[in-house]
Amino acid sequence: MVGTEDTRLVVLRGNSASGKSSVAAGLRATFGRGLALVGQDNLRRVVLRERDRPGAANIGLIDLTARYALDAGYHVVVEGVLYADRYGDMLARLCAEHRGPTHAYYLDVPFEQTLVRHATKPVADEFGETELRDWYRPLDLLPGGIETVIGADSTLEASVDLIMRDTGLVGLPALDR
């Protein structure tokens, strides 16, 4: 088992440029200290500098990092594309073994809108439409219907507010760390 009955685990998934990182940053800004962001891009691309492949090392590192933060008393947001076929087993184990409330969300944004959003990102020149099209998987949901789907019509503020309320993070005190 991992975490405590008081820690919150949030899994936030969706295609590239669907708004995951913005929502995760909004959750942290709204909550304050004591909420750990475990970002797939940071661990996979920055820490390990590895490609996203089945069985890749970042899968275990994401799991280990989330578990460590939960055991240290942090609320955790695991955020990334996190394809269901590659990350689903790890996420299912993590969610099943977490002692506290666990919630999962999938940001469902049409491909055309991801192109528009991607153009505004700092990495827009690093890859383009061809790669985004190759990576795009419509409604790549985890098995068991555990994810709440948030549509493209939900604003950043509304998405953050929904997750804060659903998870019970609203009203919890930030940690003095």
N, C-alpha and C. Protein backbone atom coordinates (compact mmCIF):
# COMPACT_ATOMS: atom_id res chain seq x y z
N MET A 1 0.84 -1.19 0.00
CA MET A 1 0.00 0.00 0.00
C MET A 1 0.88 1.25 0.00
N VAL A 2 0.32 2.33 -0.51
CA VAL A 2 1.09 3.56 -0.67
C VAL A 2 0.27 4.77 -0.22
N GLY A 3 0.97 5.78 0.29
CA GLY A 3 0.30 7.00 0.74
C GLY A 3 -0.45 6.77 2.03
N THR A 4 -1.34 7.69 2.33
CA THR A 4 -2.18 7.59 3.53
C THR A 4 -3.64 7.77 3.12
N GLU A 5 -4.53 7.62 4.08
CA GLU A 5 -5.95 7.85 3.78
C GLU A 5 -6.22 9.31 3.46
N ASP A 6 -5.29 10.19 3.82
CA ASP A 6 -5.47 11.62 3.59
C ASP A 6 -4.85 12.13 2.29
N THR A 7 -3.93 11.36 1.69
CA THR A 7 -3.30 11.82 0.45
C THR A 7 -4.25 11.62 -0.73
N ARG A 8 -4.16 12.53 -1.68
CA ARG A 8 -4.96 12.45 -2.90
C ARG A 8 -4.03 12.11 -4.06
N LEU A 9 -4.50 11.19 -4.91
CA LEU A 9 -3.79 10.84 -6.14
C LEU A 9 -4.68 11.24 -7.31
N VAL A 10 -4.12 12.03 -8.21
CA VAL A 10 -4.84 12.47 -9.41
C VAL A 10 -4.03 12.02 -10.62
N VAL A 11 -4.67 11.30 -11.53
CA VAL A 11 -4.05 10.91 -12.79
C VAL A 11 -4.70 11.78 -13.86
N LEU A 12 -3.87 12.49 -14.62
CA LEU A 12 -4.34 13.43 -15.62
C LEU A 12 -3.72 13.07 -16.96
N ARG A 13 -4.55 12.57 -17.89
CA ARG A 13 -4.06 12.07 -19.16
C ARG A 13 -4.73 12.77 -20.33
N GLY A 14 -4.14 12.63 -21.50
CA GLY A 14 -4.71 13.17 -22.73
C GLY A 14 -3.62 13.28 -23.77
N ASN A 15 -4.01 13.60 -24.99
CA ASN A 15 -3.05 13.71 -26.08
C ASN A 15 -2.15 14.92 -25.90
N SER A 16 -1.09 14.94 -26.68
CA SER A 16 -0.18 16.07 -26.68
C SER A 16 -0.97 17.34 -26.99
N ALA A 17 -0.67 18.41 -26.26
CA ALA A 17 -1.30 19.73 -26.44
C ALA A 17 -2.79 19.73 -26.08
N SER A 18 -3.19 18.84 -25.19
CA SER A 18 -4.59 18.83 -24.75
C SER A 18 -4.81 19.70 -23.52
N GLY A 19 -3.74 20.18 -22.91
CA GLY A 19 -3.86 21.06 -21.75
C GLY A 19 -3.50 20.43 -20.42
N LYS A 20 -2.94 19.24 -20.43
CA LYS A 20 -2.61 18.53 -19.19
C LYS A 20 -1.66 19.31 -18.30
N SER A 21 -0.57 19.79 -18.86
CA SER A 21 0.41 20.51 -18.07
C SER A 21 -0.17 21.81 -17.51
N SER A 22 -0.99 22.48 -18.29
CA SER A 22 -1.62 23.71 -17.81
C SER A 22 -2.58 23.42 -16.67
N VAL A 23 -3.35 22.36 -16.79
CA VAL A 23 -4.28 21.99 -15.72
C VAL A 23 -3.49 21.60 -14.47
N ALA A 24 -2.43 20.80 -14.64
CA ALA A 24 -1.62 20.38 -13.49
C ALA A 24 -1.01 21.60 -12.80
N ALA A 25 -0.49 22.55 -13.58
CA ALA A 25 0.08 23.77 -13.00
C ALA A 25 -1.01 24.57 -12.29
N GLY A 26 -2.20 24.59 -12.84
CA GLY A 26 -3.32 25.29 -12.22
C GLY A 26 -3.72 24.65 -10.90
N LEU A 27 -3.68 23.33 -10.84
CA LEU A 27 -3.98 22.63 -9.59
C LEU A 27 -2.97 23.01 -8.51
N ARG A 28 -1.70 23.01 -8.89
CA ARG A 28 -0.66 23.35 -7.92
C ARG A 28 -0.79 24.80 -7.47
N ALA A 29 -1.03 25.70 -8.40
CA ALA A 29 -1.17 27.12 -8.05
C ALA A 29 -2.37 27.34 -7.13
N THR A 30 -3.44 26.61 -7.36
CA THR A 30 -4.64 26.75 -6.55
C THR A 30 -4.45 26.13 -5.17
N PHE A 31 -3.81 24.96 -5.12
CA PHE A 31 -3.64 24.26 -3.85
C PHE A 31 -2.52 24.84 -3.00
N GLY A 32 -1.37 25.02 -3.60
CA GLY A 32 -0.21 25.51 -2.85
C GLY A 32 0.78 24.39 -2.59
N ARG A 33 1.62 24.56 -1.57
CA ARG A 33 2.63 23.56 -1.22
C ARG A 33 1.97 22.27 -0.75
N GLY A 34 2.66 21.18 -1.06
CA GLY A 34 2.15 19.88 -0.63
C GLY A 34 1.50 19.08 -1.74
N LEU A 35 1.53 19.62 -2.97
CA LEU A 35 1.00 18.91 -4.12
C LEU A 35 2.15 18.69 -5.09
N ALA A 36 2.53 17.44 -5.29
CA ALA A 36 3.66 17.08 -6.16
C ALA A 36 3.17 16.84 -7.58
N LEU A 37 3.88 17.42 -8.54
CA LEU A 37 3.59 17.17 -9.95
C LEU A 37 4.58 16.15 -10.48
N VAL A 38 4.06 15.01 -10.90
CA VAL A 38 4.89 13.96 -11.48
C VAL A 38 4.57 13.96 -12.97
N GLY A 39 5.37 14.71 -13.72
CA GLY A 39 5.13 14.89 -15.14
C GLY A 39 5.90 13.90 -15.99
N GLN A 40 5.17 13.21 -16.85
CA GLN A 40 5.78 12.24 -17.75
C GLN A 40 6.85 12.90 -18.61
N ASP A 41 6.55 14.06 -19.19
CA ASP A 41 7.54 14.72 -20.06
C ASP A 41 8.83 15.03 -19.31
N ASN A 42 8.71 15.50 -18.10
CA ASN A 42 9.93 15.82 -17.33
C ASN A 42 10.75 14.56 -17.06
N LEU A 43 10.11 13.53 -16.57
CA LEU A 43 10.85 12.32 -16.23
C LEU A 43 11.37 11.59 -17.48
N ARG A 44 10.54 11.51 -18.51
CA ARG A 44 10.93 10.78 -19.71
C ARG A 44 11.90 11.58 -20.58
N ARG A 45 11.54 12.82 -20.88
CA ARG A 45 12.32 13.61 -21.84
C ARG A 45 13.51 14.33 -21.20
N VAL A 46 13.34 14.84 -19.98
CA VAL A 46 14.40 15.63 -19.36
C VAL A 46 15.32 14.75 -18.51
N VAL A 47 14.75 14.02 -17.55
CA VAL A 47 15.58 13.22 -16.64
C VAL A 47 16.25 12.06 -17.38
N LEU A 48 15.49 11.28 -18.11
CA LEU A 48 16.05 10.09 -18.76
C LEU A 48 16.43 10.31 -20.23
N ARG A 49 15.86 11.31 -20.86
CA ARG A 49 16.05 11.57 -22.28
C ARG A 49 15.83 10.30 -23.10
N GLU A 50 14.65 9.72 -22.90
CA GLU A 50 14.34 8.48 -23.61
C GLU A 50 13.08 8.65 -24.45
N ARG A 51 12.95 7.81 -25.44
CA ARG A 51 11.75 7.80 -26.30
C ARG A 51 10.63 7.07 -25.57
N ASP A 52 9.40 7.39 -25.98
CA ASP A 52 8.24 6.74 -25.36
C ASP A 52 8.00 5.41 -26.07
N ARG A 53 8.41 4.34 -25.39
CA ARG A 53 8.29 2.99 -25.95
C ARG A 53 7.72 2.06 -24.90
N PRO A 54 7.08 0.97 -25.33
CA PRO A 54 6.60 -0.01 -24.36
C PRO A 54 7.76 -0.52 -23.50
N GLY A 55 7.54 -0.62 -22.20
CA GLY A 55 8.54 -1.15 -21.29
C GLY A 55 9.69 -0.21 -20.97
N ALA A 56 9.60 1.05 -21.38
CA ALA A 56 10.68 2.01 -21.17
C ALA A 56 10.87 2.30 -19.68
N ALA A 57 12.05 2.76 -19.33
CA ALA A 57 12.41 2.99 -17.93
C ALA A 57 11.56 4.06 -17.26
N ASN A 58 11.06 5.03 -18.03
CA ASN A 58 10.28 6.10 -17.42
C ASN A 58 9.01 5.60 -16.75
N ILE A 59 8.48 4.49 -17.20
CA ILE A 59 7.25 3.95 -16.61
C ILE A 59 7.49 3.64 -15.14
N GLY A 60 8.56 2.94 -14.85
CA GLY A 60 8.90 2.63 -13.46
C GLY A 60 9.28 3.86 -12.67
N LEU A 61 9.96 4.82 -13.32
CA LEU A 61 10.36 6.04 -12.62
C LEU A 61 9.15 6.88 -12.24
N ILE A 62 8.17 6.96 -13.11
CA ILE A 62 6.92 7.67 -12.80
C ILE A 62 6.26 7.02 -11.59
N ASP A 63 6.15 5.70 -11.62
CA ASP A 63 5.55 4.95 -10.52
C ASP A 63 6.30 5.19 -9.21
N LEU A 64 7.61 5.04 -9.25
CA LEU A 64 8.44 5.20 -8.07
C LEU A 64 8.34 6.62 -7.50
N THR A 65 8.38 7.61 -8.36
CA THR A 65 8.30 9.01 -7.93
C THR A 65 6.96 9.31 -7.29
N ALA A 66 5.89 8.86 -7.91
CA ALA A 66 4.55 9.08 -7.34
C ALA A 66 4.42 8.40 -5.98
N ARG A 67 4.88 7.17 -5.89
CA ARG A 67 4.80 6.44 -4.62
C ARG A 67 5.61 7.12 -3.52
N TYR A 68 6.80 7.57 -3.87
CA TYR A 68 7.65 8.24 -2.89
C TYR A 68 6.97 9.50 -2.36
N ALA A 69 6.44 10.31 -3.27
CA ALA A 69 5.77 11.55 -2.84
C ALA A 69 4.53 11.25 -2.00
N LEU A 70 3.75 10.26 -2.39
CA LEU A 70 2.56 9.89 -1.60
C LEU A 70 2.97 9.41 -0.21
N ASP A 71 4.00 8.58 -0.14
CA ASP A 71 4.47 8.08 1.16
C ASP A 71 5.03 9.21 2.03
N ALA A 72 5.51 10.28 1.40
CA ALA A 72 6.03 11.43 2.14
C ALA A 72 4.92 12.40 2.55
N GLY A 73 3.66 12.04 2.22
CA GLY A 73 2.53 12.85 2.63
C GLY A 73 2.06 13.90 1.64
N TYR A 74 2.64 13.88 0.44
CA TYR A 74 2.21 14.82 -0.60
C TYR A 74 0.97 14.29 -1.31
N HIS A 75 0.12 15.20 -1.76
CA HIS A 75 -0.89 14.86 -2.76
C HIS A 75 -0.13 14.81 -4.08
N VAL A 76 -0.55 13.96 -5.02
CA VAL A 76 0.23 13.76 -6.24
C VAL A 76 -0.67 13.87 -7.47
N VAL A 77 -0.17 14.61 -8.47
CA VAL A 77 -0.77 14.64 -9.79
C VAL A 77 0.22 13.98 -10.74
N VAL A 78 -0.18 12.83 -11.30
CA VAL A 78 0.61 12.16 -12.33
C VAL A 78 0.03 12.63 -13.66
N GLU A 79 0.87 13.29 -14.46
CA GLU A 79 0.37 13.96 -15.66
C GLU A 79 1.18 13.58 -16.88
N GLY A 80 0.49 13.27 -17.97
CA GLY A 80 1.17 12.97 -19.22
C GLY A 80 0.25 12.34 -20.24
N VAL A 81 0.79 12.10 -21.43
CA VAL A 81 0.03 11.38 -22.45
C VAL A 81 -0.29 9.99 -21.91
N LEU A 82 0.70 9.32 -21.38
CA LEU A 82 0.52 8.05 -20.66
C LEU A 82 -0.42 7.09 -21.40
N TYR A 83 -0.01 6.70 -22.61
CA TYR A 83 -0.82 5.78 -23.42
C TYR A 83 -1.32 4.60 -22.59
N ALA A 84 -2.57 4.25 -22.75
CA ALA A 84 -3.19 3.19 -21.96
C ALA A 84 -2.46 1.85 -22.12
N ASP A 85 -2.03 1.52 -23.35
CA ASP A 85 -1.40 0.23 -23.56
C ASP A 85 0.00 0.15 -22.96
N ARG A 86 0.67 1.28 -22.75
CA ARG A 86 2.03 1.27 -22.20
C ARG A 86 2.05 1.54 -20.70
N TYR A 87 1.19 2.41 -20.23
CA TYR A 87 1.21 2.87 -18.85
C TYR A 87 0.03 2.36 -18.02
N GLY A 88 -0.93 1.74 -18.67
CA GLY A 88 -2.16 1.32 -18.00
C GLY A 88 -1.95 0.38 -16.83
N ASP A 89 -1.10 -0.62 -16.98
CA ASP A 89 -0.87 -1.58 -15.89
C ASP A 89 -0.24 -0.88 -14.68
N MET A 90 0.74 -0.03 -14.94
CA MET A 90 1.40 0.69 -13.84
C MET A 90 0.40 1.60 -13.14
N LEU A 91 -0.39 2.34 -13.92
CA LEU A 91 -1.37 3.25 -13.33
C LEU A 91 -2.44 2.49 -12.55
N ALA A 92 -2.86 1.35 -13.05
CA ALA A 92 -3.87 0.54 -12.35
C ALA A 92 -3.34 0.06 -11.00
N ARG A 93 -2.09 -0.39 -10.97
CA ARG A 93 -1.48 -0.84 -9.70
C ARG A 93 -1.34 0.33 -8.73
N LEU A 94 -0.86 1.46 -9.23
CA LEU A 94 -0.68 2.63 -8.38
C LEU A 94 -2.02 3.07 -7.78
N CYS A 95 -3.04 3.14 -8.60
CA CYS A 95 -4.36 3.55 -8.12
C CYS A 95 -4.92 2.54 -7.12
N ALA A 96 -4.78 1.26 -7.42
CA ALA A 96 -5.31 0.21 -6.53
C ALA A 96 -4.60 0.19 -5.19
N GLU A 97 -3.31 0.53 -5.17
CA GLU A 97 -2.52 0.44 -3.95
C GLU A 97 -2.50 1.75 -3.15
N HIS A 98 -3.08 2.80 -3.70
CA HIS A 98 -3.11 4.08 -2.97
C HIS A 98 -4.20 4.00 -1.89
N ARG A 99 -3.85 4.35 -0.67
CA ARG A 99 -4.77 4.27 0.48
C ARG A 99 -5.84 5.36 0.46
N GLY A 100 -5.53 6.50 -0.11
CA GLY A 100 -6.45 7.64 -0.08
C GLY A 100 -7.31 7.72 -1.34
N PRO A 101 -8.07 8.81 -1.45
CA PRO A 101 -8.90 9.02 -2.64
C PRO A 101 -8.06 9.13 -3.90
N THR A 102 -8.51 8.47 -4.94
CA THR A 102 -7.82 8.47 -6.23
C THR A 102 -8.82 8.85 -7.31
N HIS A 103 -8.40 9.75 -8.19
CA HIS A 103 -9.27 10.21 -9.28
C HIS A 103 -8.46 10.26 -10.56
N ALA A 104 -9.09 9.91 -11.68
CA ALA A 104 -8.42 9.94 -12.97
C ALA A 104 -9.25 10.74 -13.97
N TYR A 105 -8.55 11.52 -14.78
CA TYR A 105 -9.19 12.40 -15.76
C TYR A 105 -8.51 12.25 -17.10
N TYR A 106 -9.31 12.37 -18.16
CA TYR A 106 -8.78 12.33 -19.52
C TYR A 106 -9.26 13.59 -20.24
N LEU A 107 -8.30 14.39 -20.74
CA LEU A 107 -8.65 15.59 -21.47
C LEU A 107 -8.85 15.22 -22.94
N ASP A 108 -10.09 15.33 -23.39
CA ASP A 108 -10.46 14.92 -24.75
C ASP A 108 -10.54 16.15 -25.64
N VAL A 109 -9.51 16.34 -26.46
CA VAL A 109 -9.42 17.50 -27.34
C VAL A 109 -9.26 17.00 -28.77
N PRO A 110 -10.08 17.48 -29.71
CA PRO A 110 -9.94 17.05 -31.10
C PRO A 110 -8.57 17.39 -31.67
N PHE A 111 -8.13 16.60 -32.63
CA PHE A 111 -6.80 16.77 -33.20
C PHE A 111 -6.58 18.19 -33.72
N GLU A 112 -7.55 18.74 -34.42
CA GLU A 112 -7.40 20.07 -35.00
C GLU A 112 -7.10 21.11 -33.90
N GLN A 113 -7.74 20.95 -32.75
CA GLN A 113 -7.51 21.90 -31.67
C GLN A 113 -6.14 21.69 -31.02
N THR A 114 -5.64 20.45 -31.01
CA THR A 114 -4.30 20.23 -30.46
C THR A 114 -3.26 20.93 -31.33
N LEU A 115 -3.49 20.99 -32.64
CA LEU A 115 -2.56 21.71 -33.53
C LEU A 115 -2.51 23.19 -33.17
N VAL A 116 -3.67 23.78 -32.93
CA VAL A 116 -3.74 25.20 -32.58
C VAL A 116 -3.03 25.43 -31.26
N ARG A 117 -3.29 24.57 -30.27
CA ARG A 117 -2.67 24.72 -28.96
C ARG A 117 -1.16 24.50 -29.03
N HIS A 118 -0.75 23.51 -29.82
CA HIS A 118 0.68 23.21 -29.93
C HIS A 118 1.45 24.41 -30.46
N ALA A 119 0.87 25.15 -31.38
CA ALA A 119 1.54 26.30 -31.99
C ALA A 119 1.90 27.37 -30.96
N THR A 120 1.25 27.37 -29.80
CA THR A 120 1.51 28.37 -28.77
C THR A 120 2.55 27.90 -27.74
N LYS A 121 3.01 26.66 -27.86
CA LYS A 121 3.92 26.10 -26.87
C LYS A 121 5.38 26.42 -27.19
N PRO A 122 6.23 26.49 -26.16
CA PRO A 122 7.66 26.74 -26.39
C PRO A 122 8.33 25.68 -27.26
N VAL A 123 7.80 24.46 -27.29
CA VAL A 123 8.41 23.37 -28.07
C VAL A 123 7.82 23.28 -29.48
N ALA A 124 7.06 24.28 -29.89
CA ALA A 124 6.36 24.22 -31.18
C ALA A 124 7.31 23.98 -32.36
N ASP A 125 8.54 24.46 -32.26
CA ASP A 125 9.50 24.28 -33.36
C ASP A 125 10.21 22.93 -33.32
N GLU A 126 10.07 22.20 -32.22
CA GLU A 126 10.77 20.92 -32.08
C GLU A 126 10.06 19.78 -32.82
N PHE A 127 8.75 19.87 -32.97
CA PHE A 127 7.98 18.87 -33.70
C PHE A 127 6.68 19.52 -34.17
N GLY A 128 6.08 18.91 -35.19
CA GLY A 128 4.92 19.55 -35.80
C GLY A 128 3.76 18.61 -36.06
N GLU A 129 2.98 18.96 -37.07
CA GLU A 129 1.73 18.25 -37.36
C GLU A 129 1.96 16.77 -37.64
N THR A 130 3.00 16.42 -38.36
CA THR A 130 3.25 15.02 -38.70
C THR A 130 3.42 14.18 -37.44
N GLU A 131 4.27 14.64 -36.52
CA GLU A 131 4.50 13.90 -35.28
C GLU A 131 3.24 13.89 -34.42
N LEU A 132 2.58 15.02 -34.31
CA LEU A 132 1.35 15.08 -33.50
C LEU A 132 0.30 14.11 -34.03
N ARG A 133 0.19 14.02 -35.36
CA ARG A 133 -0.78 13.09 -35.95
C ARG A 133 -0.39 11.64 -35.65
N ASP A 134 0.91 11.34 -35.70
CA ASP A 134 1.37 9.98 -35.39
C ASP A 134 1.09 9.61 -33.93
N TRP A 135 1.22 10.59 -33.04
CA TRP A 135 1.05 10.34 -31.60
C TRP A 135 -0.40 10.36 -31.15
N TYR A 136 -1.27 10.99 -31.93
CA TYR A 136 -2.65 11.22 -31.49
C TYR A 136 -3.45 9.91 -31.42
N ARG A 137 -4.11 9.71 -30.28
CA ARG A 137 -4.98 8.54 -30.09
C ARG A 137 -6.31 9.04 -29.53
N PRO A 138 -7.37 8.98 -30.32
CA PRO A 138 -8.66 9.47 -29.82
C PRO A 138 -9.18 8.60 -28.67
N LEU A 139 -9.61 9.24 -27.61
CA LEU A 139 -10.19 8.59 -26.43
C LEU A 139 -9.44 7.33 -26.01
N ASP A 140 -8.16 7.48 -25.74
CA ASP A 140 -7.30 6.38 -25.31
C ASP A 140 -7.51 6.14 -23.80
N LEU A 141 -8.73 5.73 -23.46
CA LEU A 141 -9.11 5.61 -22.05
C LEU A 141 -8.55 4.35 -21.39
N LEU A 142 -8.32 4.47 -20.10
CA LEU A 142 -7.90 3.32 -19.30
C LEU A 142 -9.08 2.36 -19.15
N PRO A 143 -8.82 1.07 -19.01
CA PRO A 143 -9.90 0.11 -18.82
C PRO A 143 -10.68 0.36 -17.52
N GLY A 144 -11.90 -0.07 -17.51
CA GLY A 144 -12.70 -0.02 -16.28
C GLY A 144 -13.49 1.26 -16.09
N GLY A 145 -13.45 2.16 -17.05
CA GLY A 145 -14.23 3.38 -16.94
C GLY A 145 -13.88 4.25 -15.75
N ILE A 146 -12.60 4.26 -15.37
CA ILE A 146 -12.20 4.98 -14.15
C ILE A 146 -11.95 6.47 -14.39
N GLU A 147 -11.87 6.88 -15.65
CA GLU A 147 -11.54 8.26 -15.93
C GLU A 147 -12.78 9.11 -16.18
N THR A 148 -12.75 10.32 -15.67
CA THR A 148 -13.73 11.34 -16.01
C THR A 148 -13.19 12.04 -17.23
N VAL A 149 -13.99 12.10 -18.28
CA VAL A 149 -13.57 12.76 -19.52
C VAL A 149 -13.94 14.23 -19.43
N ILE A 150 -12.95 15.08 -19.67
CA ILE A 150 -13.15 16.52 -19.69
C ILE A 150 -12.99 16.96 -21.14
N GLY A 151 -14.05 17.53 -21.70
CA GLY A 151 -14.05 17.91 -23.10
C GLY A 151 -13.32 19.20 -23.39
N ALA A 152 -13.08 19.45 -24.67
CA ALA A 152 -12.35 20.62 -25.12
C ALA A 152 -13.09 21.92 -24.80
N ASP A 153 -14.38 21.84 -24.54
CA ASP A 153 -15.15 23.05 -24.23
C ASP A 153 -14.94 23.52 -22.79
N SER A 154 -14.29 22.71 -21.97
CA SER A 154 -14.02 23.10 -20.59
C SER A 154 -12.82 24.04 -20.56
N THR A 155 -12.99 25.22 -19.98
CA THR A 155 -11.88 26.17 -19.88
C THR A 155 -10.86 25.64 -18.87
N LEU A 156 -9.68 26.23 -18.90
CA LEU A 156 -8.64 25.86 -17.94
C LEU A 156 -9.16 26.05 -16.51
N GLU A 157 -9.75 27.20 -16.25
CA GLU A 157 -10.28 27.49 -14.92
C GLU A 157 -11.35 26.48 -14.50
N ALA A 158 -12.25 26.15 -15.42
CA ALA A 158 -13.32 25.20 -15.11
C ALA A 158 -12.77 23.80 -14.85
N SER A 159 -11.77 23.40 -15.63
CA SER A 159 -11.16 22.08 -15.44
C SER A 159 -10.47 21.98 -14.09
N VAL A 160 -9.71 23.01 -13.74
CA VAL A 160 -9.03 23.03 -12.44
C VAL A 160 -10.06 23.01 -11.32
N ASP A 161 -11.10 23.81 -11.44
CA ASP A 161 -12.15 23.86 -10.42
C ASP A 161 -12.83 22.51 -10.26
N LEU A 162 -13.16 21.85 -11.35
CA LEU A 162 -13.80 20.53 -11.31
C LEU A 162 -12.93 19.53 -10.56
N ILE A 163 -11.65 19.48 -10.91
CA ILE A 163 -10.74 18.51 -10.28
C ILE A 163 -10.53 18.84 -8.80
N MET A 164 -10.38 20.12 -8.49
CA MET A 164 -10.23 20.51 -7.08
C MET A 164 -11.43 20.06 -6.25
N ARG A 165 -12.63 20.25 -6.80
CA ARG A 165 -13.83 19.85 -6.06
C ARG A 165 -13.99 18.33 -6.00
N ASP A 166 -13.83 17.66 -7.15
CA ASP A 166 -13.99 16.20 -7.20
C ASP A 166 -13.05 15.47 -6.24
N THR A 167 -11.83 15.93 -6.18
CA THR A 167 -10.81 15.24 -5.40
C THR A 167 -10.83 15.58 -3.92
N GLY A 168 -11.56 16.63 -3.58
CA GLY A 168 -11.58 17.07 -2.19
C GLY A 168 -10.37 17.91 -1.81
N LEU A 169 -9.59 18.35 -2.81
CA LEU A 169 -8.45 19.21 -2.52
C LEU A 169 -8.90 20.60 -2.06
N VAL A 170 -10.10 21.00 -2.48
CA VAL A 170 -10.65 22.28 -2.03
C VAL A 170 -10.82 22.22 -0.51
N GLY A 171 -10.32 23.22 0.16
CA GLY A 171 -10.49 23.29 1.61
C GLY A 171 -9.43 22.58 2.41
N LEU A 172 -8.63 21.73 1.76
CA LEU A 172 -7.53 21.09 2.50
C LEU A 172 -6.41 22.10 2.68
N PRO A 173 -5.74 22.07 3.80
CA PRO A 173 -4.65 23.03 4.01
C PRO A 173 -3.42 22.65 3.18
N ALA A 174 -2.77 23.68 2.64
CA ALA A 174 -1.48 23.46 2.00
C ALA A 174 -0.49 23.05 3.07
N LEU A 175 0.51 22.28 2.70
CA LEU A 175 1.50 21.84 3.67
C LEU A 175 2.59 22.88 3.83
N ASP A 176 3.11 22.99 5.02
CA ASP A 176 4.19 23.93 5.29
C ASP A 176 5.52 23.20 5.09
N ARG A 177 5.98 23.14 3.86
CA ARG A 177 7.20 22.42 3.52
C ARG A 177 8.20 23.36 2.91
